[in-house]
Structure formats: C-alpha cells, structure tokens
C-alpha cells in the first residue's frame, strides 16, 4: 500500500520543529534531562522524514539515530555520527533513568541543544 509521501514528510518535519522548541522550553525550566531527550526526539523525527523521502515508505519503529541515518541515504561526516551517538545517551536516560549518572552542566546542555537545533535545521533543509 502506497503512502502519501508529502503528507508524512510534513508530519515528521513539523514534529521535529515542535520537539526542538519543546527542548528549549524545558531547558529554560532547568529540566535538562527532559530537554536533551526532546533534542534526541527532534533529530529522530527529522531523520524519519528523510527516511520517508528516500524510501517512499513508513520509517522503521526505532529510536536509533544511526540506524535511521543509514536508511536515509544522506551524505554525512563522521562528526555527525559521533553527535548522534552522544544524543543516543539522552534518549536512553530519558526513558530509563540510571541512578548516579553525572549531571550535565547548563552550559554543556545548552551546547547540545544548539547542536541539535543546528542538525535538525540542516536535516530539514535536505527535504
């Protein structure tokens, strides 16, 4: 069964933009773990839009950003893969918090949020 590719891309792109805005609001409220979780979510949604563009099909039900990147077929640098790997920690921490995990400073969190926003904008520009 064929999907409406444009409709699905619009859905995931909108979700990515909404999630990065939510990350910024959570950061302003000092909800760092949740903010970084939403950064991961924003990138995940942008990548899922690119997977749809590449495959004309529903993206896989995974939260693994590197796996989604592989499905998207976009050209990327190793630095981007490294960033995705770091972001993977935040989705795990957001879903399955561990006790005793070191806290992330506001400054470092802000850098991750800016990086995630930049990556989301770049991914969306490829749509």
N, C-alpha and C. Protein backbone atom coordinates (compact mmCIF):
# COMPACT_ATOMS: atom_id res chain seq x y z
N UNK A 1 0.84 -1.18 0.00
CA UNK A 1 0.00 0.00 0.00
C UNK A 1 0.89 1.25 0.00
N UNK A 2 0.69 2.09 -0.94
CA UNK A 2 1.50 3.31 -1.07
C UNK A 2 1.05 4.35 -0.03
N UNK A 3 2.03 5.10 0.45
CA UNK A 3 1.72 6.17 1.40
C UNK A 3 1.78 7.52 0.70
N UNK A 4 1.15 8.49 1.30
CA UNK A 4 1.25 9.87 0.80
C UNK A 4 2.56 10.44 1.35
N UNK A 5 3.60 10.36 0.55
CA UNK A 5 4.95 10.74 0.99
C UNK A 5 4.98 12.17 1.50
N UNK A 6 4.41 13.09 0.74
CA UNK A 6 4.45 14.50 1.14
C UNK A 6 3.76 14.72 2.48
N UNK A 7 2.63 14.09 2.68
CA UNK A 7 1.88 14.23 3.94
C UNK A 7 2.71 13.71 5.12
N UNK A 8 3.36 12.59 4.94
CA UNK A 8 4.17 12.01 6.01
C UNK A 8 5.41 12.86 6.30
N UNK A 9 6.03 13.38 5.27
CA UNK A 9 7.19 14.24 5.46
C UNK A 9 6.79 15.50 6.23
N UNK A 10 5.68 16.09 5.87
CA UNK A 10 5.19 17.28 6.57
C UNK A 10 4.94 16.96 8.04
N UNK A 11 4.35 15.81 8.32
CA UNK A 11 4.07 15.38 9.69
C UNK A 11 5.37 15.28 10.51
N UNK A 12 6.35 14.56 10.00
CA UNK A 12 7.59 14.34 10.74
C UNK A 12 8.42 15.62 10.84
N UNK A 13 8.45 16.42 9.78
CA UNK A 13 9.17 17.70 9.82
C UNK A 13 8.56 18.60 10.89
N UNK A 14 7.25 18.70 10.91
CA UNK A 14 6.57 19.53 11.93
C UNK A 14 6.85 19.02 13.33
N UNK A 15 6.86 17.72 13.50
CA UNK A 15 7.17 17.14 14.80
C UNK A 15 8.59 17.44 15.25
N UNK A 16 9.51 17.43 14.30
CA UNK A 16 10.91 17.73 14.62
C UNK A 16 11.04 19.18 15.11
N UNK A 17 10.42 20.09 14.40
CA UNK A 17 10.49 21.50 14.79
C UNK A 17 9.81 21.74 16.13
N UNK A 18 8.70 21.10 16.36
CA UNK A 18 7.99 21.24 17.64
C UNK A 18 8.83 20.66 18.78
N UNK A 19 9.46 19.54 18.54
CA UNK A 19 10.26 18.90 19.59
C UNK A 19 11.49 19.74 19.96
N UNK A 20 12.13 20.38 18.98
CA UNK A 20 13.29 21.20 19.33
C UNK A 20 12.85 22.44 20.10
N UNK A 21 11.69 22.98 19.77
CA UNK A 21 11.17 24.11 20.53
C UNK A 21 10.83 23.68 21.96
N UNK A 22 10.26 22.48 22.10
CA UNK A 22 9.96 21.96 23.44
C UNK A 22 11.24 21.77 24.24
N UNK A 23 12.30 21.33 23.59
CA UNK A 23 13.59 21.16 24.27
C UNK A 23 14.07 22.48 24.85
N UNK A 24 13.90 23.55 24.09
CA UNK A 24 14.35 24.87 24.56
C UNK A 24 13.51 25.35 25.74
N UNK A 25 12.21 25.10 25.69
CA UNK A 25 11.34 25.48 26.80
C UNK A 25 11.71 24.69 28.06
N UNK A 26 11.94 23.41 27.91
CA UNK A 26 12.34 22.59 29.05
C UNK A 26 13.67 23.05 29.63
N UNK A 27 14.59 23.44 28.77
CA UNK A 27 15.88 23.95 29.23
C UNK A 27 15.68 25.22 30.07
N UNK A 28 14.81 26.11 29.60
CA UNK A 28 14.53 27.34 30.35
C UNK A 28 13.98 27.05 31.73
N UNK A 29 13.33 25.90 31.88
CA UNK A 29 12.76 25.49 33.17
C UNK A 29 13.74 24.61 33.96
N UNK A 30 14.98 24.54 33.48
CA UNK A 30 16.05 23.73 34.11
C UNK A 30 15.73 22.25 34.14
N UNK A 31 14.97 21.77 33.19
CA UNK A 31 14.64 20.34 33.05
C UNK A 31 15.60 19.75 32.02
N UNK A 32 16.85 19.61 32.41
CA UNK A 32 17.93 19.27 31.49
C UNK A 32 17.74 17.90 30.85
N UNK A 33 17.49 16.87 31.66
CA UNK A 33 17.34 15.52 31.10
C UNK A 33 16.20 15.48 30.09
N UNK A 34 15.10 16.09 30.44
CA UNK A 34 13.95 16.11 29.53
C UNK A 34 14.24 16.94 28.28
N UNK A 35 14.95 18.04 28.47
CA UNK A 35 15.31 18.88 27.34
C UNK A 35 16.16 18.11 26.34
N UNK A 36 17.15 17.39 26.83
CA UNK A 36 18.03 16.64 25.94
C UNK A 36 17.31 15.45 25.32
N UNK A 37 16.36 14.88 26.04
CA UNK A 37 15.52 13.82 25.47
C UNK A 37 14.76 14.37 24.26
N UNK A 38 14.23 15.58 24.39
CA UNK A 38 13.49 16.17 23.27
C UNK A 38 14.41 16.56 22.12
N UNK A 39 15.67 16.86 22.42
CA UNK A 39 16.64 17.10 21.35
C UNK A 39 16.80 15.82 20.52
N UNK A 40 16.96 14.71 21.21
CA UNK A 40 17.06 13.42 20.52
C UNK A 40 15.81 13.19 19.68
N UNK A 41 14.65 13.44 20.28
CA UNK A 41 13.38 13.21 19.59
C UNK A 41 13.28 14.08 18.33
N UNK A 42 13.73 15.31 18.41
CA UNK A 42 13.68 16.21 17.25
C UNK A 42 14.53 15.66 16.11
N UNK A 43 15.73 15.22 16.43
CA UNK A 43 16.60 14.66 15.39
C UNK A 43 15.99 13.38 14.84
N UNK A 44 15.44 12.55 15.71
CA UNK A 44 14.80 11.30 15.26
C UNK A 44 13.68 11.60 14.25
N UNK A 45 12.86 12.57 14.55
CA UNK A 45 11.74 12.90 13.66
C UNK A 45 12.24 13.47 12.33
N UNK A 46 13.27 14.31 12.37
CA UNK A 46 13.83 14.85 11.12
C UNK A 46 14.41 13.72 10.28
N UNK A 47 15.10 12.79 10.93
CA UNK A 47 15.66 11.65 10.19
C UNK A 47 14.55 10.77 9.61
N UNK A 48 13.46 10.59 10.35
CA UNK A 48 12.35 9.78 9.83
C UNK A 48 11.73 10.43 8.60
N UNK A 49 11.68 11.76 8.57
CA UNK A 49 11.20 12.44 7.36
C UNK A 49 12.12 12.14 6.19
N UNK A 50 13.42 12.13 6.44
CA UNK A 50 14.39 11.82 5.37
C UNK A 50 14.31 10.35 4.94
N UNK A 51 14.02 9.47 5.86
CA UNK A 51 13.84 8.06 5.51
C UNK A 51 12.64 7.92 4.58
N UNK A 52 11.58 8.62 4.88
CA UNK A 52 10.39 8.58 4.01
C UNK A 52 10.74 9.11 2.63
N UNK A 53 11.48 10.20 2.58
CA UNK A 53 11.88 10.76 1.29
C UNK A 53 12.70 9.75 0.49
N UNK A 54 13.60 9.04 1.17
CA UNK A 54 14.49 8.09 0.50
C UNK A 54 13.80 6.80 0.09
N UNK A 55 12.83 6.37 0.90
CA UNK A 55 12.23 5.04 0.68
C UNK A 55 10.79 5.06 0.19
N UNK A 56 10.13 6.21 0.31
CA UNK A 56 8.70 6.32 -0.01
C UNK A 56 7.89 5.31 0.81
N UNK A 57 8.34 5.09 2.04
CA UNK A 57 7.67 4.13 2.92
C UNK A 57 7.74 4.64 4.36
N UNK A 58 6.94 4.02 5.22
CA UNK A 58 6.92 4.34 6.64
C UNK A 58 8.31 4.04 7.23
N UNK A 59 8.85 4.94 8.05
CA UNK A 59 10.17 4.67 8.64
C UNK A 59 10.09 3.55 9.67
N UNK A 60 11.22 2.89 9.92
CA UNK A 60 11.21 1.82 10.93
C UNK A 60 10.91 2.38 12.31
N UNK A 61 10.29 1.55 13.14
CA UNK A 61 9.96 1.96 14.51
C UNK A 61 11.18 1.72 15.38
N UNK A 62 12.10 2.67 15.30
CA UNK A 62 13.33 2.61 16.08
C UNK A 62 13.66 4.00 16.58
N UNK A 63 14.38 4.04 17.70
CA UNK A 63 14.87 5.31 18.23
C UNK A 63 16.36 5.47 17.95
N UNK A 64 16.93 4.51 17.24
CA UNK A 64 18.36 4.50 16.97
C UNK A 64 18.67 5.48 15.83
N UNK A 65 19.26 6.60 16.19
CA UNK A 65 19.52 7.66 15.21
C UNK A 65 20.49 7.22 14.12
N UNK A 66 21.47 6.44 14.48
CA UNK A 66 22.46 5.99 13.50
C UNK A 66 21.82 5.03 12.51
N UNK A 67 20.95 4.18 12.99
CA UNK A 67 20.23 3.26 12.10
C UNK A 67 19.33 4.05 11.14
N UNK A 68 18.64 5.05 11.67
CA UNK A 68 17.78 5.89 10.81
C UNK A 68 18.62 6.63 9.77
N UNK A 69 19.79 7.09 10.17
CA UNK A 69 20.69 7.76 9.23
C UNK A 69 21.03 6.83 8.08
N UNK A 70 21.28 5.57 8.37
CA UNK A 70 21.60 4.59 7.32
C UNK A 70 20.45 4.43 6.33
N UNK A 71 19.22 4.44 6.82
CA UNK A 71 18.06 4.32 5.95
C UNK A 71 17.85 5.58 5.10
N UNK A 72 18.32 6.72 5.60
CA UNK A 72 18.04 7.99 4.92
C UNK A 72 18.85 8.19 3.66
N UNK A 73 19.98 7.56 3.57
CA UNK A 73 20.90 7.65 2.43
C UNK A 73 21.50 9.04 2.23
N UNK A 74 21.48 9.91 3.25
CA UNK A 74 22.09 11.23 3.08
C UNK A 74 23.59 11.15 3.31
N UNK A 75 24.30 12.04 2.68
CA UNK A 75 25.75 12.14 2.86
C UNK A 75 26.01 12.86 4.18
N UNK A 76 26.99 12.38 4.94
CA UNK A 76 27.26 12.97 6.24
C UNK A 76 28.73 12.79 6.62
N UNK A 77 29.15 13.54 7.60
CA UNK A 77 30.51 13.48 8.13
C UNK A 77 30.53 12.60 9.38
N UNK A 78 31.70 12.06 9.70
CA UNK A 78 31.84 11.24 10.91
C UNK A 78 31.49 12.03 12.16
N UNK A 79 31.75 13.32 12.15
CA UNK A 79 31.42 14.18 13.29
C UNK A 79 29.91 14.13 13.57
N UNK A 80 29.11 14.07 12.52
CA UNK A 80 27.67 13.99 12.67
C UNK A 80 27.28 12.66 13.33
N UNK A 81 27.89 11.58 12.91
CA UNK A 81 27.62 10.27 13.50
C UNK A 81 28.01 10.27 14.98
N UNK A 82 29.13 10.89 15.30
CA UNK A 82 29.56 10.99 16.69
C UNK A 82 28.53 11.75 17.52
N UNK A 83 28.01 12.85 16.96
CA UNK A 83 26.99 13.63 17.66
C UNK A 83 25.73 12.78 17.88
N UNK A 84 25.33 12.03 16.88
CA UNK A 84 24.16 11.17 17.03
C UNK A 84 24.38 10.14 18.13
N UNK A 85 25.59 9.60 18.19
CA UNK A 85 25.91 8.65 19.25
C UNK A 85 25.77 9.26 20.63
N UNK A 86 26.22 10.50 20.78
CA UNK A 86 26.08 11.20 22.06
C UNK A 86 24.61 11.43 22.38
N UNK A 87 23.84 11.79 21.38
CA UNK A 87 22.41 12.05 21.60
C UNK A 87 21.66 10.77 22.00
N UNK A 88 22.16 9.63 21.56
CA UNK A 88 21.52 8.36 21.91
C UNK A 88 21.49 8.16 23.43
N UNK A 89 22.52 8.63 24.11
CA UNK A 89 22.54 8.52 25.57
C UNK A 89 21.35 9.23 26.20
N UNK A 90 20.98 10.35 25.63
CA UNK A 90 19.92 11.15 26.23
C UNK A 90 18.55 10.53 26.04
N UNK A 91 18.35 9.82 24.96
CA UNK A 91 17.05 9.17 24.81
C UNK A 91 16.95 8.00 25.76
N UNK A 92 18.06 7.31 25.99
CA UNK A 92 18.04 6.21 26.96
C UNK A 92 17.83 6.74 28.37
N UNK A 93 18.54 7.80 28.71
CA UNK A 93 18.40 8.38 30.04
C UNK A 93 16.98 8.92 30.24
N UNK A 94 16.38 9.46 29.19
CA UNK A 94 15.02 9.97 29.28
C UNK A 94 13.99 8.86 29.48
N UNK A 95 14.26 7.70 28.92
CA UNK A 95 13.33 6.58 29.03
C UNK A 95 13.62 5.68 30.22
N UNK A 96 14.90 5.48 30.49
CA UNK A 96 15.33 4.54 31.53
C UNK A 96 16.39 5.20 32.39
N UNK A 97 16.00 6.12 33.26
CA UNK A 97 17.00 6.86 34.04
C UNK A 97 17.86 5.93 34.89
N UNK A 98 19.14 6.25 34.93
CA UNK A 98 20.06 5.48 35.76
C UNK A 98 20.39 6.30 37.00
N UNK A 99 20.60 5.61 38.08
CA UNK A 99 20.96 6.30 39.32
C UNK A 99 22.45 6.60 39.31
N UNK A 100 22.80 7.74 39.81
CA UNK A 100 24.21 8.08 39.93
C UNK A 100 24.87 8.57 38.66
N UNK A 101 24.11 8.77 37.61
CA UNK A 101 24.69 9.29 36.37
C UNK A 101 25.08 10.76 36.60
N UNK A 102 26.27 11.15 36.16
CA UNK A 102 26.69 12.53 36.40
C UNK A 102 25.77 13.53 35.71
N UNK A 103 25.54 14.63 36.40
CA UNK A 103 24.69 15.67 35.83
C UNK A 103 25.44 16.43 34.74
N UNK A 104 24.70 16.95 33.81
CA UNK A 104 25.26 17.76 32.73
C UNK A 104 25.07 19.22 33.11
N UNK A 105 26.12 19.99 32.96
CA UNK A 105 26.03 21.41 33.31
C UNK A 105 25.08 22.11 32.34
N UNK A 106 24.59 23.25 32.79
CA UNK A 106 23.70 24.05 31.95
C UNK A 106 24.44 24.48 30.68
N UNK A 107 25.72 24.80 30.81
CA UNK A 107 26.50 25.24 29.66
C UNK A 107 26.65 24.12 28.63
N UNK A 108 26.96 22.93 29.12
CA UNK A 108 27.12 21.80 28.20
C UNK A 108 25.77 21.43 27.58
N UNK A 109 24.72 21.45 28.38
CA UNK A 109 23.38 21.16 27.85
C UNK A 109 23.00 22.16 26.77
N UNK A 110 23.32 23.42 27.00
CA UNK A 110 22.99 24.46 26.02
C UNK A 110 23.73 24.20 24.71
N UNK A 111 24.97 23.73 24.79
CA UNK A 111 25.72 23.40 23.57
C UNK A 111 25.08 22.23 22.83
N UNK A 112 24.62 21.23 23.57
CA UNK A 112 23.92 20.11 22.94
C UNK A 112 22.63 20.57 22.27
N UNK A 113 21.90 21.44 22.96
CA UNK A 113 20.63 21.93 22.41
C UNK A 113 20.90 22.71 21.13
N UNK A 114 21.89 23.58 21.14
CA UNK A 114 22.22 24.35 19.94
C UNK A 114 22.67 23.42 18.82
N UNK A 115 23.49 22.43 19.17
CA UNK A 115 23.93 21.45 18.17
C UNK A 115 22.76 20.69 17.58
N UNK A 116 21.84 20.28 18.44
CA UNK A 116 20.67 19.54 17.96
C UNK A 116 19.80 20.41 17.07
N UNK A 117 19.62 21.66 17.46
CA UNK A 117 18.82 22.57 16.64
C UNK A 117 19.48 22.77 15.28
N UNK A 118 20.78 22.96 15.27
CA UNK A 118 21.51 23.11 14.00
C UNK A 118 21.35 21.88 13.13
N UNK A 119 21.46 20.70 13.74
CA UNK A 119 21.34 19.45 12.98
C UNK A 119 19.93 19.28 12.43
N UNK A 120 18.93 19.60 13.23
CA UNK A 120 17.54 19.49 12.77
C UNK A 120 17.30 20.43 11.59
N UNK A 121 17.77 21.66 11.69
CA UNK A 121 17.59 22.61 10.59
C UNK A 121 18.29 22.10 9.33
N UNK A 122 19.49 21.56 9.49
CA UNK A 122 20.22 21.03 8.35
C UNK A 122 19.47 19.85 7.73
N UNK A 123 19.02 18.92 8.56
CA UNK A 123 18.28 17.76 8.04
C UNK A 123 17.02 18.20 7.31
N UNK A 124 16.31 19.12 7.88
CA UNK A 124 15.08 19.61 7.24
C UNK A 124 15.39 20.30 5.91
N UNK A 125 16.53 20.96 5.83
CA UNK A 125 16.89 21.63 4.57
C UNK A 125 17.10 20.61 3.44
N UNK A 126 17.33 19.35 3.79
CA UNK A 126 17.55 18.31 2.78
C UNK A 126 16.25 17.70 2.27
N UNK A 127 15.14 18.10 2.86
CA UNK A 127 13.86 17.50 2.45
C UNK A 127 13.36 18.04 1.13
